[in-house]
Amino acid sequence: MSPQTLKRRPQRTCIGCQRVSTKRELVRIVRKPNGEVVVDPTGKVAGRGAYLCKDKRCWRAALEHKRFDRALKLALTPEQYAYIEAYASQLPDTDENTDKS
């Protein structure tokens, strides 16, 4: 196959584990223009976004090290942290996302 026939897939880096994956494999969290922070499963919400693996450990690491604040360029409020923690609590603890090959 020639390079022109291969379809390019957008790559993003998880702010929790720094693993590079395709955009569709990650969960996007967005700071909307009004300052609201939401999880964006569609990847289409307007605003500044950050990407994380679908692994609870990545979300915990991002929260512990204040990586959301840096990636979203916003000091998160306690309510926003609670919202993110509530979403993360529904995610699995998987070993598949620890492969950094």
N, C-alpha and C. Protein backbone atom coordinates (compact mmCIF):
# COMPACT_ATOMS: atom_id res chain seq x y z
N MET A 1 0.83 -1.19 0.00
CA MET A 1 0.00 0.00 0.00
C MET A 1 0.87 1.25 0.00
N SER A 2 0.44 2.19 -0.75
CA SER A 2 1.18 3.45 -0.76
C SER A 2 0.80 4.27 0.46
N PRO A 3 1.64 5.19 0.89
CA PRO A 3 1.34 6.02 2.05
C PRO A 3 0.05 6.81 1.90
N GLN A 4 -0.35 7.10 0.67
CA GLN A 4 -1.57 7.88 0.47
C GLN A 4 -2.82 7.06 0.72
N THR A 5 -2.74 5.73 0.60
CA THR A 5 -3.93 4.91 0.79
C THR A 5 -4.16 4.57 2.26
N LEU A 6 -3.15 4.71 3.11
CA LEU A 6 -3.33 4.45 4.53
C LEU A 6 -4.09 5.61 5.16
N LYS A 7 -5.09 5.27 5.93
CA LYS A 7 -5.89 6.31 6.58
C LYS A 7 -5.20 6.75 7.87
N ARG A 8 -5.06 8.03 8.03
CA ARG A 8 -4.44 8.56 9.24
C ARG A 8 -5.47 8.64 10.34
N ARG A 9 -5.06 8.27 11.54
CA ARG A 9 -5.94 8.35 12.70
C ARG A 9 -5.32 9.32 13.70
N PRO A 10 -6.10 10.27 14.19
CA PRO A 10 -5.57 11.23 15.15
C PRO A 10 -5.05 10.53 16.41
N GLN A 11 -3.88 10.93 16.87
CA GLN A 11 -3.27 10.38 18.07
C GLN A 11 -3.37 11.41 19.20
N ARG A 12 -3.62 10.93 20.40
CA ARG A 12 -3.68 11.78 21.58
C ARG A 12 -2.92 11.10 22.71
N THR A 13 -2.50 11.88 23.70
CA THR A 13 -1.76 11.36 24.85
C THR A 13 -2.62 11.43 26.09
N CYS A 14 -2.68 10.32 26.83
CA CYS A 14 -3.41 10.28 28.09
C CYS A 14 -2.68 11.15 29.11
N ILE A 15 -3.39 12.04 29.78
CA ILE A 15 -2.75 12.90 30.77
C ILE A 15 -2.46 12.14 32.07
N GLY A 16 -3.02 10.94 32.22
CA GLY A 16 -2.76 10.13 33.41
C GLY A 16 -1.50 9.31 33.31
N CYS A 17 -1.35 8.56 32.21
CA CYS A 17 -0.21 7.64 32.07
C CYS A 17 0.75 8.03 30.95
N GLN A 18 0.43 9.04 30.19
CA GLN A 18 1.25 9.54 29.08
C GLN A 18 1.32 8.57 27.90
N ARG A 19 0.42 7.60 27.85
CA ARG A 19 0.38 6.64 26.74
C ARG A 19 -0.28 7.30 25.53
N VAL A 20 0.29 7.10 24.35
CA VAL A 20 -0.28 7.64 23.11
C VAL A 20 -1.20 6.60 22.51
N SER A 21 -2.43 7.01 22.21
CA SER A 21 -3.43 6.12 21.62
C SER A 21 -4.21 6.89 20.57
N THR A 22 -5.03 6.15 19.82
CA THR A 22 -5.90 6.85 18.89
C THR A 22 -6.95 7.60 19.69
N LYS A 23 -7.43 8.65 19.11
CA LYS A 23 -8.41 9.52 19.76
C LYS A 23 -9.64 8.75 20.22
N ARG A 24 -10.08 7.78 19.44
CA ARG A 24 -11.28 7.02 19.76
C ARG A 24 -11.11 6.07 20.95
N GLU A 25 -9.88 5.70 21.27
CA GLU A 25 -9.62 4.80 22.39
C GLU A 25 -9.63 5.52 23.73
N LEU A 26 -9.61 6.84 23.70
CA LEU A 26 -9.52 7.63 24.92
C LEU A 26 -10.83 8.35 25.22
N VAL A 27 -10.97 8.79 26.47
CA VAL A 27 -12.13 9.58 26.89
C VAL A 27 -11.68 11.04 26.95
N ARG A 28 -12.50 11.92 26.43
CA ARG A 28 -12.17 13.35 26.40
C ARG A 28 -12.94 14.06 27.51
N ILE A 29 -12.25 14.92 28.21
CA ILE A 29 -12.90 15.79 29.19
C ILE A 29 -12.65 17.22 28.70
N VAL A 30 -13.68 18.06 28.79
CA VAL A 30 -13.65 19.37 28.15
C VAL A 30 -13.95 20.48 29.14
N ARG A 31 -13.21 21.59 28.99
CA ARG A 31 -13.58 22.84 29.66
C ARG A 31 -14.28 23.68 28.62
N LYS A 32 -15.57 23.87 28.81
CA LYS A 32 -16.35 24.67 27.87
C LYS A 32 -15.96 26.15 28.01
N PRO A 33 -16.29 26.96 27.02
CA PRO A 33 -15.97 28.40 27.10
C PRO A 33 -16.53 29.09 28.35
N ASN A 34 -17.64 28.57 28.90
CA ASN A 34 -18.23 29.18 30.10
C ASN A 34 -17.57 28.69 31.39
N GLY A 35 -16.55 27.81 31.28
CA GLY A 35 -15.84 27.31 32.46
C GLY A 35 -16.34 25.98 32.99
N GLU A 36 -17.45 25.50 32.46
CA GLU A 36 -18.00 24.21 32.89
C GLU A 36 -17.09 23.08 32.40
N VAL A 37 -16.90 22.06 33.24
CA VAL A 37 -16.08 20.91 32.87
C VAL A 37 -17.00 19.70 32.72
N VAL A 38 -16.93 19.05 31.55
CA VAL A 38 -17.79 17.90 31.27
C VAL A 38 -17.00 16.79 30.58
N VAL A 39 -17.48 15.55 30.77
CA VAL A 39 -16.94 14.42 30.02
C VAL A 39 -17.60 14.45 28.66
N ASP A 40 -16.81 14.26 27.62
CA ASP A 40 -17.30 14.36 26.24
C ASP A 40 -17.12 13.03 25.52
N PRO A 41 -18.10 12.14 25.60
CA PRO A 41 -17.96 10.83 24.94
C PRO A 41 -17.96 10.93 23.41
N THR A 42 -18.52 11.98 22.85
CA THR A 42 -18.59 12.13 21.40
C THR A 42 -17.32 12.73 20.81
N GLY A 43 -16.57 13.48 21.62
CA GLY A 43 -15.37 14.15 21.13
C GLY A 43 -15.68 15.38 20.31
N LYS A 44 -16.90 15.89 20.41
CA LYS A 44 -17.30 17.01 19.56
C LYS A 44 -17.70 18.28 20.32
N VAL A 45 -17.68 18.24 21.65
CA VAL A 45 -18.07 19.41 22.42
C VAL A 45 -17.00 20.49 22.25
N ALA A 46 -17.43 21.71 22.02
CA ALA A 46 -16.50 22.83 21.84
C ALA A 46 -15.83 23.17 23.16
N GLY A 47 -14.54 23.40 23.10
CA GLY A 47 -13.80 23.80 24.29
C GLY A 47 -12.43 23.15 24.34
N ARG A 48 -11.70 23.45 25.39
CA ARG A 48 -10.35 22.90 25.57
C ARG A 48 -10.47 21.50 26.14
N GLY A 49 -9.82 20.54 25.50
CA GLY A 49 -9.96 19.15 25.90
C GLY A 49 -8.70 18.51 26.42
N ALA A 50 -8.90 17.46 27.21
CA ALA A 50 -7.81 16.61 27.70
C ALA A 50 -8.28 15.17 27.53
N TYR A 51 -7.36 14.27 27.29
CA TYR A 51 -7.71 12.88 27.01
C TYR A 51 -7.14 11.94 28.06
N LEU A 52 -7.94 10.90 28.39
CA LEU A 52 -7.51 9.89 29.35
C LEU A 52 -7.92 8.51 28.87
N CYS A 53 -7.13 7.51 29.29
CA CYS A 53 -7.48 6.11 29.02
C CYS A 53 -8.76 5.77 29.77
N LYS A 54 -9.37 4.69 29.38
CA LYS A 54 -10.59 4.22 30.06
C LYS A 54 -10.21 3.33 31.23
N ASP A 55 -9.28 3.81 32.04
CA ASP A 55 -8.74 3.07 33.18
C ASP A 55 -8.79 3.99 34.41
N LYS A 56 -9.38 3.48 35.46
CA LYS A 56 -9.55 4.25 36.68
C LYS A 56 -8.21 4.78 37.22
N ARG A 57 -7.14 4.01 37.05
CA ARG A 57 -5.84 4.43 37.57
C ARG A 57 -5.32 5.68 36.88
N CYS A 58 -5.58 5.81 35.61
CA CYS A 58 -5.16 7.02 34.88
C CYS A 58 -5.89 8.25 35.41
N TRP A 59 -7.17 8.09 35.68
CA TRP A 59 -7.97 9.21 36.19
C TRP A 59 -7.50 9.59 37.59
N ARG A 60 -7.20 8.59 38.43
CA ARG A 60 -6.71 8.87 39.78
C ARG A 60 -5.38 9.61 39.72
N ALA A 61 -4.48 9.15 38.85
CA ALA A 61 -3.17 9.80 38.71
C ALA A 61 -3.33 11.25 38.25
N ALA A 62 -4.21 11.47 37.30
CA ALA A 62 -4.44 12.83 36.79
C ALA A 62 -5.00 13.73 37.89
N LEU A 63 -5.89 13.19 38.72
CA LEU A 63 -6.44 13.98 39.82
C LEU A 63 -5.39 14.26 40.89
N GLU A 64 -4.63 13.24 41.27
CA GLU A 64 -3.63 13.39 42.33
C GLU A 64 -2.54 14.39 41.96
N HIS A 65 -2.16 14.42 40.71
CA HIS A 65 -1.07 15.29 40.27
C HIS A 65 -1.56 16.58 39.62
N LYS A 66 -2.84 16.87 39.75
CA LYS A 66 -3.45 18.10 39.22
C LYS A 66 -3.21 18.29 37.73
N ARG A 67 -3.23 17.20 36.99
CA ARG A 67 -3.01 17.27 35.55
C ARG A 67 -4.21 17.84 34.81
N PHE A 68 -5.40 17.71 35.39
CA PHE A 68 -6.58 18.32 34.76
C PHE A 68 -6.42 19.84 34.77
N ASP A 69 -5.96 20.38 35.90
CA ASP A 69 -5.79 21.83 36.01
C ASP A 69 -4.86 22.35 34.92
N ARG A 70 -3.77 21.64 34.72
CA ARG A 70 -2.79 22.08 33.73
C ARG A 70 -3.31 21.91 32.31
N ALA A 71 -3.87 20.74 32.02
CA ALA A 71 -4.33 20.45 30.66
C ALA A 71 -5.50 21.35 30.25
N LEU A 72 -6.39 21.62 31.20
CA LEU A 72 -7.57 22.43 30.88
C LEU A 72 -7.34 23.92 31.14
N LYS A 73 -6.16 24.25 31.67
CA LYS A 73 -5.80 25.64 32.00
C LYS A 73 -6.88 26.29 32.86
N LEU A 74 -7.18 25.58 33.96
CA LEU A 74 -8.24 26.02 34.86
C LEU A 74 -8.01 25.38 36.22
N ALA A 75 -8.15 26.14 37.29
CA ALA A 75 -8.09 25.56 38.64
C ALA A 75 -9.47 24.96 38.91
N LEU A 76 -9.53 23.63 38.97
CA LEU A 76 -10.82 22.96 39.17
C LEU A 76 -11.39 23.25 40.55
N THR A 77 -12.69 23.41 40.61
CA THR A 77 -13.39 23.60 41.87
C THR A 77 -13.61 22.25 42.53
N PRO A 78 -13.92 22.22 43.83
CA PRO A 78 -14.22 20.95 44.49
C PRO A 78 -15.38 20.21 43.82
N GLU A 79 -16.36 20.94 43.31
CA GLU A 79 -17.50 20.32 42.61
C GLU A 79 -17.04 19.65 41.32
N GLN A 80 -16.12 20.30 40.60
CA GLN A 80 -15.62 19.72 39.36
C GLN A 80 -14.78 18.48 39.65
N TYR A 81 -13.98 18.51 40.73
CA TYR A 81 -13.23 17.32 41.12
C TYR A 81 -14.18 16.18 41.46
N ALA A 82 -15.25 16.49 42.19
CA ALA A 82 -16.23 15.47 42.57
C ALA A 82 -16.89 14.87 41.33
N TYR A 83 -17.20 15.70 40.35
CA TYR A 83 -17.80 15.23 39.10
C TYR A 83 -16.86 14.26 38.38
N ILE A 84 -15.58 14.63 38.31
CA ILE A 84 -14.60 13.78 37.64
C ILE A 84 -14.40 12.48 38.42
N GLU A 85 -14.32 12.56 39.74
CA GLU A 85 -14.17 11.35 40.56
C GLU A 85 -15.36 10.43 40.41
N ALA A 86 -16.57 10.99 40.33
CA ALA A 86 -17.77 10.18 40.15
C ALA A 86 -17.73 9.44 38.81
N TYR A 87 -17.29 10.11 37.77
CA TYR A 87 -17.19 9.46 36.46
C TYR A 87 -16.12 8.37 36.51
N ALA A 88 -14.97 8.69 37.11
CA ALA A 88 -13.86 7.73 37.17
C ALA A 88 -14.22 6.49 37.98
N SER A 89 -15.07 6.64 38.98
CA SER A 89 -15.43 5.49 39.81
C SER A 89 -16.19 4.43 39.02
N GLN A 90 -16.77 4.80 37.89
CA GLN A 90 -17.50 3.86 37.05
C GLN A 90 -16.59 3.11 36.07
N LEU A 91 -15.35 3.54 35.96
CA LEU A 91 -14.41 2.93 35.01
C LEU A 91 -13.74 1.71 35.61
N PRO A 92 -13.31 0.77 34.75
CA PRO A 92 -12.64 -0.43 35.26
C PRO A 92 -11.18 -0.16 35.61
N ASP A 93 -10.64 -1.01 36.49
CA ASP A 93 -9.21 -1.05 36.79
C ASP A 93 -8.63 -2.12 35.89
N THR A 94 -8.07 -1.75 34.75
CA THR A 94 -7.60 -2.75 33.80
C THR A 94 -6.09 -2.74 33.69
N ASP A 95 -5.55 -3.89 33.29
CA ASP A 95 -4.11 -4.00 33.07
C ASP A 95 -3.74 -3.68 31.64
N GLU A 96 -4.72 -3.70 30.73
CA GLU A 96 -4.42 -3.50 29.32
C GLU A 96 -3.85 -2.13 29.02
N ASN A 97 -4.16 -1.13 29.83
CA ASN A 97 -3.69 0.22 29.57
C ASN A 97 -2.32 0.51 30.17
N THR A 98 -1.72 -0.48 30.86
CA THR A 98 -0.41 -0.25 31.44
C THR A 98 0.70 -0.63 30.49
N ASP A 99 0.38 -1.27 29.36
CA ASP A 99 1.39 -1.59 28.35
C ASP A 99 1.82 -0.31 27.67
N LYS A 100 3.05 0.09 27.87
CA LYS A 100 3.52 1.33 27.25
C LYS A 100 4.50 1.00 26.15
N SER A 101 4.08 0.08 25.28
CA SER A 101 4.95 -0.34 24.19
C SER A 101 4.72 0.47 22.94
